[in-house]
Amino acid sequence: MEKKNIDWSNLGFGYMKTDLRYVSNYKNGTWDEGTLTGEDTITISECAGVLQYAQTIFEGLKAYTTKDGHIVTFRPDLNAARMADSAKRLEMPVFPEERFVEAVVKTVEANAAYVPPFGSGASLYLRPYMFGSSPVIGVKPAEEYQFRVFATPVGPYFKGGAKPITIRVSDFDRAAPNGTGHIKAGLNYAMSLHAIVSAHEEGFDENMYLDSKTRTKVEETGGANFLFVTKDNKIVTPKSDSILPSITRRSLMHVAKEYLGLEVEEREVFFDEVKDFAECGLCGTAAVISPVGKIYDHGKEICFPSGMEQMGPITQKLRETLTGIQMGEIEAPEGWIKVIK
């Protein structure tokens, strides 16, 4: 198989049309058998549920070329389960989890020429998503839905790669205590757009959201979970019912405990204690883990000992170990790697 003529090492995190994508439609209470299509545009009613009431959910995962030349994905079964939870919360039909994984595999196989080569630092990003497609004028769930998966080759999420970033404490709330913060719904991300645009305008890379009830506890950013390292090398990650359960964060916690022998703790993290941590990282599918060097809090700065020049030693080891597992350089726990080709 001949790879596409792409400058893999200079890819940004953006959309590039690939050859085929997967589509399945839900009508009269059942999903059809699904198919691959070259058509990258969607025609729906002007009154479709997704357009009127934001009834849409999505996932994100990647395909990689491993050291031995295989094309793999990382824990797609967990993406399938999380999408099922998202669908239930928004009164959408669940796309069967085994079919979700099958759709991902088919999409990667059909676009194998776009999977970046090993060592390029790039990957094939996969976006499974579902939306209400039938007309809805009253406030209620749609009756018909479409599930799709497209693929696009991407480079690092943050342009600086592993270089530490600067974030700010946001005045906006990401999610209500009993809202939809724990699912991957498009509406959550729509709410974060104004906050991220204004953060960028002020020179920051991301926002730190605090809990909306007391504004004393750390939750997450607009697109990633937090991971902190204490001065005695314990790994701490915030716990909250309104945090999205990041697959990357769960994997990093396992790596910390089982591969690196570190103590790990998932608990409420009060903002007042952030100044006492040695390292801070943002973890998610897109970035894996991005180091935070500085947090700006309304005129005050929290500067981590790891600094602004390079990733802290523990964060670096976590990143190297997880990416080593994903790339086939380190033996993976059973079930973590789905070999496609």
C-alpha atoms as a PDB file:
ATOM      1  CA  MET A   1       0.000   0.000   0.000  1.00  0.00           C
ATOM      2  CA  GLU A   2       1.434   3.340  -1.052  1.00  0.00           C
ATOM      3  CA  LYS A   3       1.071   6.228   1.385  1.00  0.00           C
ATOM      4  CA  LYS A   4      -0.341   9.569   0.272  1.00  0.00           C
ATOM      5  CA  ASN A   5       2.163  12.273  -0.610  1.00  0.00           C
ATOM      6  CA  ILE A   6       1.771  14.322   2.575  1.00  0.00           C
ATOM      7  CA  ASP A   7       4.335  16.277   4.582  1.00  0.00           C
ATOM      8  CA  TRP A   8       3.648  14.224   7.704  1.00  0.00           C
ATOM      9  CA  SER A   9       6.087  16.052   9.982  1.00  0.00           C
ATOM     10  CA  ASN A  10       4.448  19.437   9.363  1.00  0.00           C
ATOM     11  CA  LEU A  11       0.798  18.475   9.776  1.00  0.00           C
ATOM     12  CA  GLY A  12      -1.287  20.658  12.065  1.00  0.00           C
ATOM     13  CA  PHE A  13      -4.360  19.575  14.003  1.00  0.00           C
ATOM     14  CA  GLY A  14      -6.889  20.270  11.259  1.00  0.00           C
ATOM     15  CA  TYR A  15      -9.267  18.589   8.839  1.00  0.00           C
ATOM     16  CA  MET A  16      -8.105  16.997   5.611  1.00  0.00           C
ATOM     17  CA  LYS A  17     -10.621  15.136   3.485  1.00  0.00           C
ATOM     18  CA  THR A  18      -9.796  11.449   3.106  1.00  0.00           C
ATOM     19  CA  ASP A  19     -11.190   8.876   0.685  1.00  0.00           C
ATOM     20  CA  LEU A  20     -14.013   7.161   2.572  1.00  0.00           C
ATOM     21  CA  ARG A  21     -16.146   7.472   5.678  1.00  0.00           C
ATOM     22  CA  TYR A  22     -18.675   5.193   7.413  1.00  0.00           C
ATOM     23  CA  VAL A  23     -22.400   5.995   7.571  1.00  0.00           C
ATOM     24  CA  SER A  24     -25.337   4.238   9.241  1.00  0.00           C
ATOM     25  CA  ASN A  25     -28.909   5.548   9.585  1.00  0.00           C
ATOM     26  CA  TYR A  26     -31.466   4.909  12.321  1.00  0.00           C
ATOM     27  CA  LYS A  27     -35.117   4.806  11.219  1.00  0.00           C
ATOM     28  CA  ASN A  28     -38.268   3.069  12.474  1.00  0.00           C
ATOM     29  CA  GLY A  29     -36.484   1.855  15.567  1.00  0.00           C
ATOM     30  CA  THR A  30     -33.479   0.146  13.941  1.00  0.00           C
ATOM     31  CA  TRP A  31     -30.046   0.903  12.556  1.00  0.00           C
ATOM     32  CA  ASP A  32     -29.372  -0.077   8.949  1.00  0.00           C
ATOM     33  CA  GLU A  33     -26.357  -2.228   8.104  1.00  0.00           C
ATOM     34  CA  GLY A  34     -24.102   0.774   7.402  1.00  0.00           C
ATOM     35  CA  THR A  35     -21.792   1.462   4.486  1.00  0.00           C
ATOM     36  CA  LEU A  36     -18.633   3.280   3.397  1.00  0.00           C
ATOM     37  CA  THR A  37     -19.109   6.310   1.178  1.00  0.00           C
ATOM     38  CA  GLY A  38     -16.932   8.806  -0.632  1.00  0.00           C
ATOM     39  CA  GLU A  39     -19.496  11.574  -0.092  1.00  0.00           C
ATOM     40  CA  ASP A  40     -18.284  13.976   2.601  1.00  0.00           C
ATOM     41  CA  THR A  41     -21.302  16.284   2.624  1.00  0.00           C
ATOM     42  CA  ILE A  42     -24.559  15.733   4.526  1.00  0.00           C
ATOM     43  CA  THR A  43     -28.047  16.775   3.432  1.00  0.00           C
ATOM     44  CA  ILE A  44     -30.640  17.066   6.206  1.00  0.00           C
ATOM     45  CA  SER A  45     -33.894  18.893   6.910  1.00  0.00           C
ATOM     46  CA  GLU A  46     -33.681  22.528   7.927  1.00  0.00           C
ATOM     47  CA  CYS A  47     -35.656  21.421  10.994  1.00  0.00           C
ATOM     48  CA  ALA A  48     -33.381  18.490  11.925  1.00  0.00           C
ATOM     49  CA  GLY A  49     -33.020  17.809  15.627  1.00  0.00           C
ATOM     50  CA  VAL A  50     -29.303  18.543  15.523  1.00  0.00           C
ATOM     51  CA  LEU A  51     -29.906  22.017  14.061  1.00  0.00           C
ATOM     52  CA  GLN A  52     -32.778  22.980  16.344  1.00  0.00           C
ATOM     53  CA  TYR A  53     -31.818  21.479  19.702  1.00  0.00           C
ATOM     54  CA  ALA A  54     -28.137  20.465  19.409  1.00  0.00           C
ATOM     55  CA  GLN A  55     -28.882  16.754  19.633  1.00  0.00           C
ATOM     56  CA  THR A  56     -25.423  15.507  18.748  1.00  0.00           C
ATOM     57  CA  ILE A  57     -22.656  13.495  20.403  1.00  0.00           C
ATOM     58  CA  PHE A  58     -19.169  12.505  19.297  1.00  0.00           C
ATOM     59  CA  GLU A  59     -15.978  10.641  20.111  1.00  0.00           C
ATOM     60  CA  GLY A  60     -12.318  11.020  19.222  1.00  0.00           C
ATOM     61  CA  LEU A  61      -9.600   8.396  18.875  1.00  0.00           C
ATOM     62  CA  LYS A  62      -6.515   7.760  16.776  1.00  0.00           C
ATOM     63  CA  ALA A  63      -4.940   5.147  14.524  1.00  0.00           C
ATOM     64  CA  TYR A  64      -1.163   4.758  14.493  1.00  0.00           C
ATOM     65  CA  THR A  65       1.552   2.932  12.629  1.00  0.00           C
ATOM     66  CA  THR A  66       3.497   0.890  15.169  1.00  0.00           C
ATOM     67  CA  LYS A  67       7.214   0.196  15.210  1.00  0.00           C
ATOM     68  CA  ASP A  68       6.681  -3.191  13.515  1.00  0.00           C
ATOM     69  CA  GLY A  69       4.546  -1.672  10.739  1.00  0.00           C
ATOM     70  CA  HIS A  70       1.049  -2.561  11.958  1.00  0.00           C
ATOM     71  CA  ILE A  71      -1.834  -0.086  11.939  1.00  0.00           C
ATOM     72  CA  VAL A  72      -3.615  -0.043  15.303  1.00  0.00           C
ATOM     73  CA  THR A  73      -6.118   1.926  17.354  1.00  0.00           C
ATOM     74  CA  PHE A  74      -6.052   2.499  21.098  1.00  0.00           C
ATOM     75  CA  ARG A  75      -8.874   1.156  23.309  1.00  0.00           C
ATOM     76  CA  PRO A  76     -11.773   1.788  20.882  1.00  0.00           C
ATOM     77  CA  ASP A  77     -14.067  -0.300  23.079  1.00  0.00           C
ATOM     78  CA  LEU A  78     -13.952   2.457  25.717  1.00  0.00           C
ATOM     79  CA  ASN A  79     -14.939   5.066  23.135  1.00  0.00           C
ATOM     80  CA  ALA A  80     -17.848   2.821  22.136  1.00  0.00           C
ATOM     81  CA  ALA A  81     -18.998   2.534  25.749  1.00  0.00           C
ATOM     82  CA  ARG A  82     -18.672   6.266  26.377  1.00  0.00           C
ATOM     83  CA  MET A  83     -20.681   7.071  23.245  1.00  0.00           C
ATOM     84  CA  ALA A  84     -23.395   4.690  24.447  1.00  0.00           C
ATOM     85  CA  ASP A  85     -23.542   6.615  27.745  1.00  0.00           C
ATOM     86  CA  SER A  86     -23.723   9.918  25.859  1.00  0.00           C
ATOM     87  CA  ALA A  87     -26.560   8.638  23.666  1.00  0.00           C
ATOM     88  CA  LYS A  88     -28.611   7.524  26.657  1.00  0.00           C
ATOM     89  CA  ARG A  89     -28.239  10.910  28.345  1.00  0.00           C
ATOM     90  CA  LEU A  90     -29.486  12.804  25.259  1.00  0.00           C
ATOM     91  CA  GLU A  91     -32.319  10.337  24.512  1.00  0.00           C
ATOM     92  CA  MET A  92     -30.626   9.080  21.361  1.00  0.00           C
ATOM     93  CA  PRO A  93     -30.542   5.456  20.213  1.00  0.00           C
ATOM     94  CA  VAL A  94     -27.378   3.622  21.222  1.00  0.00           C
ATOM     95  CA  PHE A  95     -25.205   2.560  18.322  1.00  0.00           C
ATOM     96  CA  PRO A  96     -24.197  -1.013  19.268  1.00  0.00           C
ATOM     97  CA  GLU A  97     -20.741  -1.033  20.819  1.00  0.00           C
ATOM     98  CA  GLU A  98     -19.422  -3.922  18.745  1.00  0.00           C
ATOM     99  CA  ARG A  99     -20.613  -2.167  15.577  1.00  0.00           C
ATOM    100  CA  PHE A 100     -18.904   1.038  16.718  1.00  0.00           C
ATOM    101  CA  VAL A 101     -15.553  -0.763  16.842  1.00  0.00           C
ATOM    102  CA  GLU A 102     -16.297  -2.418  13.490  1.00  0.00           C
ATOM    103  CA  ALA A 103     -17.080   0.989  11.932  1.00  0.00           C
ATOM    104  CA  VAL A 104     -13.794   2.393  13.231  1.00  0.00           C
ATOM    105  CA  VAL A 105     -11.873  -0.560  11.793  1.00  0.00           C
ATOM    106  CA  LYS A 106     -13.569  -0.238   8.404  1.00  0.00           C
ATOM    107  CA  THR A 107     -12.876   3.507   8.263  1.00  0.00           C
ATOM    108  CA  VAL A 108      -9.202   3.033   9.079  1.00  0.00           C
ATOM    109  CA  GLU A 109      -8.831   0.178   6.575  1.00  0.00           C
ATOM    110  CA  ALA A 110     -10.438   2.305   3.857  1.00  0.00           C
ATOM    111  CA  ASN A 111      -8.070   5.203   4.572  1.00  0.00           C
ATOM    112  CA  ALA A 112      -4.897   3.267   5.387  1.00  0.00           C
ATOM    113  CA  ALA A 113      -2.911   5.378   2.921  1.00  0.00           C
ATOM    114  CA  TYR A 114      -3.528   8.360   5.201  1.00  0.00           C
ATOM    115  CA  VAL A 115      -2.154   6.720   8.355  1.00  0.00           C
ATOM    116  CA  PRO A 116       1.134   8.546   9.017  1.00  0.00           C
ATOM    117  CA  PRO A 117       4.314   6.448   9.122  1.00  0.00           C
ATOM    118  CA  PHE A 118       5.948   5.420  12.379  1.00  0.00           C
ATOM    119  CA  GLY A 119       8.214   8.111  13.810  1.00  0.00           C
ATOM    120  CA  SER A 120       6.500  11.021  12.073  1.00  0.00           C
ATOM    121  CA  GLY A 121       4.812  12.292  15.222  1.00  0.00           C
ATOM    122  CA  ALA A 122       1.483  12.338  13.366  1.00  0.00           C
ATOM    123  CA  SER A 123      -1.542  10.048  13.511  1.00  0.00           C
ATOM    124  CA  LEU A 124      -4.888   9.389  11.848  1.00  0.00           C
ATOM    125  CA  TYR A 125      -7.580  11.066  13.928  1.00  0.00           C
ATOM    126  CA  LEU A 126     -10.991   9.367  13.910  1.00  0.00           C
ATOM    127  CA  ARG A 127     -14.212  11.200  14.647  1.00  0.00           C
ATOM    128  CA  PRO A 128     -17.255   8.980  15.282  1.00  0.00           C
ATOM    129  CA  TYR A 129     -20.378  11.089  15.767  1.00  0.00           C
ATOM    130  CA  MET A 130     -24.155  10.865  15.800  1.00  0.00           C
ATOM    131  CA  PHE A 131     -26.901  13.438  15.312  1.00  0.00           C
ATOM    132  CA  GLY A 132     -30.671  13.811  15.139  1.00  0.00           C
ATOM    133  CA  SER A 133     -31.538  13.995  11.442  1.00  0.00           C
ATOM    134  CA  SER A 134     -35.358  14.077  11.310  1.00  0.00           C
ATOM    135  CA  PRO A 135     -37.449  17.300  11.668  1.00  0.00           C
ATOM    136  CA  VAL A 136     -38.221  18.405  15.238  1.00  0.00           C
ATOM    137  CA  ILE A 137     -40.085  21.618  16.015  1.00  0.00           C
ATOM    138  CA  GLY A 138     -41.364  20.870  19.513  1.00  0.00           C
ATOM    139  CA  VAL A 139     -38.744  20.296  22.198  1.00  0.00           C
ATOM    140  CA  LYS A 140     -38.357  16.525  22.054  1.00  0.00           C
ATOM    141  CA  PRO A 141     -35.909  13.924  20.737  1.00  0.00           C
ATOM    142  CA  ALA A 142     -35.667  13.349  16.984  1.00  0.00           C
ATOM    143  CA  GLU A 143     -37.049  10.106  15.559  1.00  0.00           C
ATOM    144  CA  GLU A 144     -34.257   9.468  13.056  1.00  0.00           C
ATOM    145  CA  TYR A 145     -30.475   9.614  13.485  1.00  0.00           C
ATOM    146  CA  GLN A 146     -27.272   9.238  11.550  1.00  0.00           C
ATOM    147  CA  PHE A 147     -24.021   7.730  12.859  1.00  0.00           C
ATOM    148  CA  ARG A 148     -20.833   8.521  10.972  1.00  0.00           C
ATOM    149  CA  VAL A 149     -17.070   8.055  11.266  1.00  0.00           C
ATOM    150  CA  PHE A 150     -14.564  10.115   9.303  1.00  0.00           C
ATOM    151  CA  ALA A 151     -10.770  10.111   9.403  1.00  0.00           C
ATOM    152  CA  THR A 152      -8.185  12.849   8.954  1.00  0.00           C
ATOM    153  CA  PRO A 153      -4.387  12.827   9.397  1.00  0.00           C
ATOM    154  CA  VAL A 154      -3.240  15.222  12.111  1.00  0.00           C
ATOM    155  CA  GLY A 155      -0.140  16.530  13.795  1.00  0.00           C
ATOM    156  CA  PRO A 156       0.146  17.682  17.441  1.00  0.00           C
ATOM    157  CA  TYR A 157      -2.904  19.377  18.995  1.00  0.00           C
ATOM    158  CA  PHE A 158      -0.762  22.175  20.414  1.00  0.00           C
ATOM    159  CA  LYS A 159       1.662  23.720  17.920  1.00  0.00           C
ATOM    160  CA  GLY A 160       4.485  23.671  20.419  1.00  0.00           C
ATOM    161  CA  GLY A 161       4.144  19.923  20.880  1.00  0.00           C
ATOM    162  CA  ALA A 162       5.480  19.016  24.310  1.00  0.00           C
ATOM    163  CA  LYS A 163       6.428  22.580  25.215  1.00  0.00           C
ATOM    164  CA  PRO A 164       4.714  23.831  28.407  1.00  0.00           C
ATOM    165  CA  ILE A 165       1.649  25.999  27.894  1.00  0.00           C
ATOM    166  CA  THR A 166       0.049  28.817  29.875  1.00  0.00           C
ATOM    167  CA  ILE A 167      -3.589  28.608  30.944  1.00  0.00           C
ATOM    168  CA  ARG A 168      -5.942  30.857  32.856  1.00  0.00           C
ATOM    169  CA  VAL A 169      -8.658  30.326  35.439  1.00  0.00           C
ATOM    170  CA  SER A 170     -11.907  30.939  33.583  1.00  0.00           C
ATOM    171  CA  ASP A 171     -14.767  33.071  34.857  1.00  0.00           C
ATOM    172  CA  PHE A 172     -17.149  30.875  32.872  1.00  0.00           C
ATOM    173  CA  ASP A 173     -18.583  27.530  33.932  1.00  0.00           C
ATOM    174  CA  ARG A 174     -18.041  24.462  31.793  1.00  0.00           C
ATOM    175  CA  ALA A 175     -20.871  22.298  33.172  1.00  0.00           C
ATOM    176  CA  ALA A 176     -23.601  22.306  35.813  1.00  0.00           C
ATOM    177  CA  PRO A 177     -23.358  19.827  38.729  1.00  0.00           C
ATOM    178  CA  ASN A 178     -26.223  17.704  37.372  1.00  0.00           C
ATOM    179  CA  GLY A 179     -25.789  18.637  33.723  1.00  0.00           C
ATOM    180  CA  THR A 180     -23.999  16.979  30.804  1.00  0.00           C
ATOM    181  CA  GLY A 181     -20.334  17.518  31.640  1.00  0.00           C
ATOM    182  CA  HIS A 182     -19.752  13.769  32.012  1.00  0.00           C
ATOM    183  CA  ILE A 183     -20.764  12.965  28.421  1.00  0.00           C
ATOM    184  CA  LYS A 184     -19.231  13.935  25.072  1.00  0.00           C
ATOM    185  CA  ALA A 185     -22.030  16.114  23.745  1.00  0.00           C
ATOM    186  CA  GLY A 186     -21.495  18.834  21.169  1.00  0.00           C
ATOM    187  CA  LEU A 187     -23.386  21.325  23.327  1.00  0.00           C
ATOM    188  CA  ASN A 188     -20.673  21.151  26.013  1.00  0.00           C
ATOM    189  CA  TYR A 189     -18.060  22.253  23.518  1.00  0.00           C
ATOM    190  CA  ALA A 190     -20.262  24.988  22.059  1.00  0.00           C
ATOM    191  CA  MET A 191     -20.422  26.497  25.544  1.00  0.00           C
ATOM    192  CA  SER A 192     -16.618  26.569  25.728  1.00  0.00           C
ATOM    193  CA  LEU A 193     -16.023  28.398  22.435  1.00  0.00           C
ATOM    194  CA  HIS A 194     -16.393  31.954  23.726  1.00  0.00           C
ATOM    195  CA  ALA A 195     -14.130  31.162  26.671  1.00  0.00           C
ATOM    196  CA  ILE A 196     -11.372  29.650  24.521  1.00  0.00           C
ATOM    197  CA  VAL A 197     -11.508  32.445  21.934  1.00  0.00           C
ATOM    198  CA  SER A 198     -11.196  35.083  24.635  1.00  0.00           C
ATOM    199  CA  ALA A 199      -8.376  33.104  26.293  1.00  0.00           C
ATOM    200  CA  HIS A 200      -6.455  33.029  23.016  1.00  0.00           C
ATOM    201  CA  GLU A 201      -7.051  36.755  22.515  1.00  0.00           C
ATOM    202  CA  GLU A 202      -5.474  37.373  25.912  1.00  0.00           C
ATOM    203  CA  GLY A 203      -2.471  35.176  25.112  1.00  0.00           C
ATOM    204  CA  PHE A 204      -3.428  31.974  26.925  1.00  0.00           C
ATOM    205  CA  ASP A 205      -3.510  28.471  25.456  1.00  0.00           C
ATOM    206  CA  GLU A 206      -6.454  27.092  27.444  1.00  0.00           C
ATOM    207  CA  ASN A 207      -8.884  27.625  30.325  1.00  0.00           C
ATOM    208  CA  MET A 208      -8.998  25.983  33.726  1.00  0.00           C
ATOM    209  CA  TYR A 209     -12.618  25.492  34.730  1.00  0.00           C
ATOM    210  CA  LEU A 210     -13.558  25.334  38.400  1.00  0.00           C
ATOM    211  CA  ASP A 211     -16.658  23.630  39.736  1.00  0.00           C
ATOM    212  CA  SER A 212     -19.710  25.773  39.053  1.00  0.00           C
ATOM    213  CA  LYS A 213     -21.261  25.251  42.486  1.00  0.00           C
ATOM    214  CA  THR A 214     -18.488  26.510  44.781  1.00  0.00           C
ATOM    215  CA  ARG A 215     -15.760  27.643  42.345  1.00  0.00           C
ATOM    216  CA  THR A 216     -13.172  26.184  44.725  1.00  0.00           C
ATOM    217  CA  LYS A 217     -12.355  22.867  43.010  1.00  0.00           C
ATOM    218  CA  VAL A 218     -10.501  22.101  39.776  1.00  0.00           C
ATOM    219  CA  GLU A 219     -12.528  20.333  37.090  1.00  0.00           C
ATOM    220  CA  GLU A 220     -11.008  20.279  33.575  1.00  0.00           C
ATOM    221  CA  THR A 221     -10.268  22.400  30.530  1.00  0.00           C
ATOM    222  CA  GLY A 222     -12.461  22.778  27.464  1.00  0.00           C
ATOM    223  CA  GLY A 223     -11.064  19.591  25.933  1.00  0.00           C
ATOM    224  CA  ALA A 224      -8.828  17.732  28.395  1.00  0.00           C
ATOM    225  CA  ASN A 225      -8.591  16.358  31.936  1.00  0.00           C
ATOM    226  CA  PHE A 226      -6.042  17.611  34.455  1.00  0.00           C
ATOM    227  CA  LEU A 227      -3.272  15.494  35.910  1.00  0.00           C
ATOM    228  CA  PHE A 228      -1.062  16.798  38.725  1.00  0.00           C
ATOM    229  CA  VAL A 229       2.195  15.535  40.211  1.00  0.00           C
ATOM    230  CA  THR A 230       2.956  16.210  43.871  1.00  0.00           C
ATOM    231  CA  LYS A 231       6.440  17.088  45.107  1.00  0.00           C
ATOM    232  CA  ASP A 232       6.814  13.498  46.360  1.00  0.00           C
ATOM    233  CA  ASN A 233       5.809  12.123  42.911  1.00  0.00           C
ATOM    234  CA  LYS A 234       2.234  11.089  43.623  1.00  0.00           C
ATOM    235  CA  ILE A 235      -0.154  11.371  40.659  1.00  0.00           C
ATOM    236  CA  VAL A 236      -3.392  13.223  41.459  1.00  0.00           C
ATOM    237  CA  THR A 237      -6.340  13.784  39.138  1.00  0.00           C
ATOM    238  CA  PRO A 238      -9.588  15.646  39.922  1.00  0.00           C
ATOM    239  CA  LYS A 239     -12.755  13.678  40.637  1.00  0.00           C
ATOM    240  CA  SER A 240     -16.192  15.107  39.847  1.00  0.00           C
ATOM    241  CA  ASP A 241     -19.488  13.916  38.390  1.00  0.00           C
ATOM    242  CA  SER A 242     -19.311  16.724  35.806  1.00  0.00           C
ATOM    243  CA  ILE A 243     -15.874  15.808  34.417  1.00  0.00           C
ATOM    244  CA  LEU A 244     -15.691  13.874  31.145  1.00  0.00           C
ATOM    245  CA  PRO A 245     -14.105  10.463  31.884  1.00  0.00           C
ATOM    246  CA  SER A 246     -11.053  10.752  29.643  1.00  0.00           C
ATOM    247  CA  ILE A 247      -9.803   7.446  28.241  1.00  0.00           C
ATOM    248  CA  THR A 248      -6.288   8.875  28.010  1.00  0.00           C
ATOM    249  CA  ARG A 249      -6.379  10.023  31.637  1.00  0.00           C
ATOM    250  CA  ARG A 250      -7.566   6.586  32.827  1.00  0.00           C
ATOM    251  CA  SER A 251      -4.807   4.973  30.791  1.00  0.00           C
ATOM    252  CA  LEU A 252      -2.152   7.322  32.199  1.00  0.00           C
ATOM    253  CA  MET A 253      -3.247   6.537  35.753  1.00  0.00           C
ATOM    254  CA  HIS A 254      -2.854   2.821  35.025  1.00  0.00           C
ATOM    255  CA  VAL A 255       0.562   3.448  33.475  1.00  0.00           C
ATOM    256  CA  ALA A 256       1.642   5.489  36.512  1.00  0.00           C
ATOM    257  CA  LYS A 257       0.692   2.741  38.943  1.00  0.00           C
ATOM    258  CA  GLU A 258       1.466  -0.456  37.037  1.00  0.00           C
ATOM    259  CA  TYR A 259       4.406   0.581  34.833  1.00  0.00           C
ATOM    260  CA  LEU A 260       6.115   3.316  36.850  1.00  0.00           C
ATOM    261  CA  GLY A 261       5.230   2.161  40.365  1.00  0.00           C
ATOM    262  CA  LEU A 262       3.821   5.533  41.381  1.00  0.00           C
ATOM    263  CA  GLU A 263       1.040   6.171  43.862  1.00  0.00           C
ATOM    264  CA  VAL A 264      -2.115   7.467  42.149  1.00  0.00           C
ATOM    265  CA  GLU A 265      -5.125   9.236  43.578  1.00  0.00           C
ATOM    266  CA  GLU A 266      -8.411  10.369  42.039  1.00  0.00           C
ATOM    267  CA  ARG A 267     -10.056  12.866  44.367  1.00  0.00           C
ATOM    268  CA  GLU A 268     -11.443  16.359  44.689  1.00  0.00           C
ATOM    269  CA  VAL A 269      -8.659  18.847  44.003  1.00  0.00           C
ATOM    270  CA  PHE A 270      -9.104  22.263  45.567  1.00  0.00           C
ATOM    271  CA  PHE A 271      -7.720  25.191  43.625  1.00  0.00           C
ATOM    272  CA  ASP A 272      -5.919  26.430  46.732  1.00  0.00           C
ATOM    273  CA  GLU A 273      -3.604  23.401  46.639  1.00  0.00           C
ATOM    274  CA  VAL A 274      -2.621  23.720  42.948  1.00  0.00           C
ATOM    275  CA  LYS A 275       0.286  26.029  43.864  1.00  0.00           C
ATOM    276  CA  ASP A 276       1.829  23.188  45.850  1.00  0.00           C
ATOM    277  CA  PHE A 277       2.046  20.702  42.961  1.00  0.00           C
ATOM    278  CA  ALA A 278       5.350  20.085  41.181  1.00  0.00           C
ATOM    279  CA  GLU A 279       3.922  19.396  37.705  1.00  0.00           C
ATOM    280  CA  CYS A 280       0.666  19.810  35.816  1.00  0.00           C
ATOM    281  CA  GLY A 281      -0.513  18.280  32.559  1.00  0.00           C
ATOM    282  CA  LEU A 282      -3.589  18.253  30.322  1.00  0.00           C
ATOM    283  CA  CYS A 283      -4.467  14.801  29.034  1.00  0.00           C
ATOM    284  CA  GLY A 284      -6.788  13.734  26.234  1.00  0.00           C
ATOM    285  CA  THR A 285      -6.866  11.896  22.922  1.00  0.00           C
ATOM    286  CA  ALA A 286      -5.772  14.861  20.827  1.00  0.00           C
ATOM    287  CA  ALA A 287      -2.750  15.960  22.875  1.00  0.00           C
ATOM    288  CA  VAL A 288      -1.995  12.759  24.883  1.00  0.00           C
ATOM    289  CA  ILE A 289      -0.499  14.911  27.644  1.00  0.00           C
ATOM    290  CA  SER A 290       0.514  18.548  27.344  1.00  0.00           C
ATOM    291  CA  PRO A 291       2.549  20.126  30.157  1.00  0.00           C
ATOM    292  CA  VAL A 292       1.277  23.273  31.870  1.00  0.00           C
ATOM    293  CA  GLY A 293       4.010  25.644  32.956  1.00  0.00           C
ATOM    294  CA  LYS A 294       1.942  28.491  34.324  1.00  0.00           C
ATOM    295  CA  ILE A 295      -1.608  29.233  35.495  1.00  0.00           C
ATOM    296  CA  TYR A 296      -2.875  32.798  35.504  1.00  0.00           C
ATOM    297  CA  ASP A 297      -5.479  33.583  38.161  1.00  0.00           C
ATOM    298  CA  HIS A 298      -6.846  37.109  37.851  1.00  0.00           C
ATOM    299  CA  GLY A 299      -3.539  38.933  38.150  1.00  0.00           C
ATOM    300  CA  LYS A 300      -1.720  36.242  40.121  1.00  0.00           C
ATOM    301  CA  GLU A 301       0.502  33.587  38.597  1.00  0.00           C
ATOM    302  CA  ILE A 302       1.087  30.003  39.659  1.00  0.00           C
ATOM    303  CA  CYS A 303       4.403  28.829  38.209  1.00  0.00           C
ATOM    304  CA  PHE A 304       5.180  25.133  38.458  1.00  0.00           C
ATOM    305  CA  PRO A 305       8.728  24.082  39.421  1.00  0.00           C
ATOM    306  CA  SER A 306       8.952  22.135  36.142  1.00  0.00           C
ATOM    307  CA  GLY A 307       9.070  25.527  34.385  1.00  0.00           C
ATOM    308  CA  MET A 308       8.210  26.823  30.926  1.00  0.00           C
ATOM    309  CA  GLU A 309      11.106  25.304  28.998  1.00  0.00           C
ATOM    310  CA  GLN A 310      10.386  21.597  29.094  1.00  0.00           C
ATOM    311  CA  MET A 311       7.988  18.942  30.340  1.00  0.00           C
ATOM    312  CA  GLY A 312       8.442  17.878  33.959  1.00  0.00           C
ATOM    313  CA  PRO A 313      10.246  14.547  34.524  1.00  0.00           C
ATOM    314  CA  ILE A 314       7.246  12.556  35.738  1.00  0.00           C
ATOM    315  CA  THR A 315       4.908  13.967  33.085  1.00  0.00           C
ATOM    316  CA  GLN A 316       7.566  13.192  30.477  1.00  0.00           C
ATOM    317  CA  LYS A 317       7.891   9.598  31.678  1.00  0.00           C
ATOM    318  CA  LEU A 318       4.114   9.135  31.643  1.00  0.00           C
ATOM    319  CA  ARG A 319       3.889  10.469  28.096  1.00  0.00           C
ATOM    320  CA  GLU A 320       6.803   8.398  26.834  1.00  0.00           C
ATOM    321  CA  THR A 321       5.402   5.220  28.372  1.00  0.00           C
ATOM    322  CA  LEU A 322       1.874   5.649  27.049  1.00  0.00           C
ATOM    323  CA  THR A 323       2.988   6.642  23.558  1.00  0.00           C
ATOM    324  CA  GLY A 324       5.436   3.737  23.664  1.00  0.00           C
ATOM    325  CA  ILE A 325       2.520   1.411  24.354  1.00  0.00           C
ATOM    326  CA  GLN A 326       0.474   2.974  21.547  1.00  0.00           C
ATOM    327  CA  MET A 327       3.346   2.706  19.068  1.00  0.00           C
ATOM    328  CA  GLY A 328       4.200  -0.892  19.897  1.00  0.00           C
ATOM    329  CA  GLU A 329       7.532  -0.102  21.551  1.00  0.00           C
ATOM    330  CA  ILE A 330       6.323  -1.180  25.015  1.00  0.00           C
ATOM    331  CA  GLU A 331       4.124  -4.196  25.714  1.00  0.00           C
ATOM    332  CA  ALA A 332       0.503  -3.109  26.195  1.00  0.00           C
ATOM    333  CA  PRO A 333      -1.961  -4.364  28.792  1.00  0.00           C
ATOM    334  CA  GLU A 334      -4.316  -6.969  27.376  1.00  0.00           C
ATOM    335  CA  GLY A 335      -7.095  -5.475  25.256  1.00  0.00           C
ATOM    336  CA  TRP A 336      -5.589  -1.992  24.926  1.00  0.00           C
ATOM    337  CA  ILE A 337      -4.418  -2.265  21.324  1.00  0.00           C
ATOM    338  CA  LYS A 338      -6.769  -3.124  18.436  1.00  0.00           C
ATOM    339  CA  VAL A 339      -4.680  -4.300  15.473  1.00  0.00           C
ATOM    340  CA  ILE A 340      -6.295  -3.334  12.162  1.00  0.00           C
ATOM    341  CA  LYS A 341      -3.661  -4.203   9.546  1.00  0.00           C
END
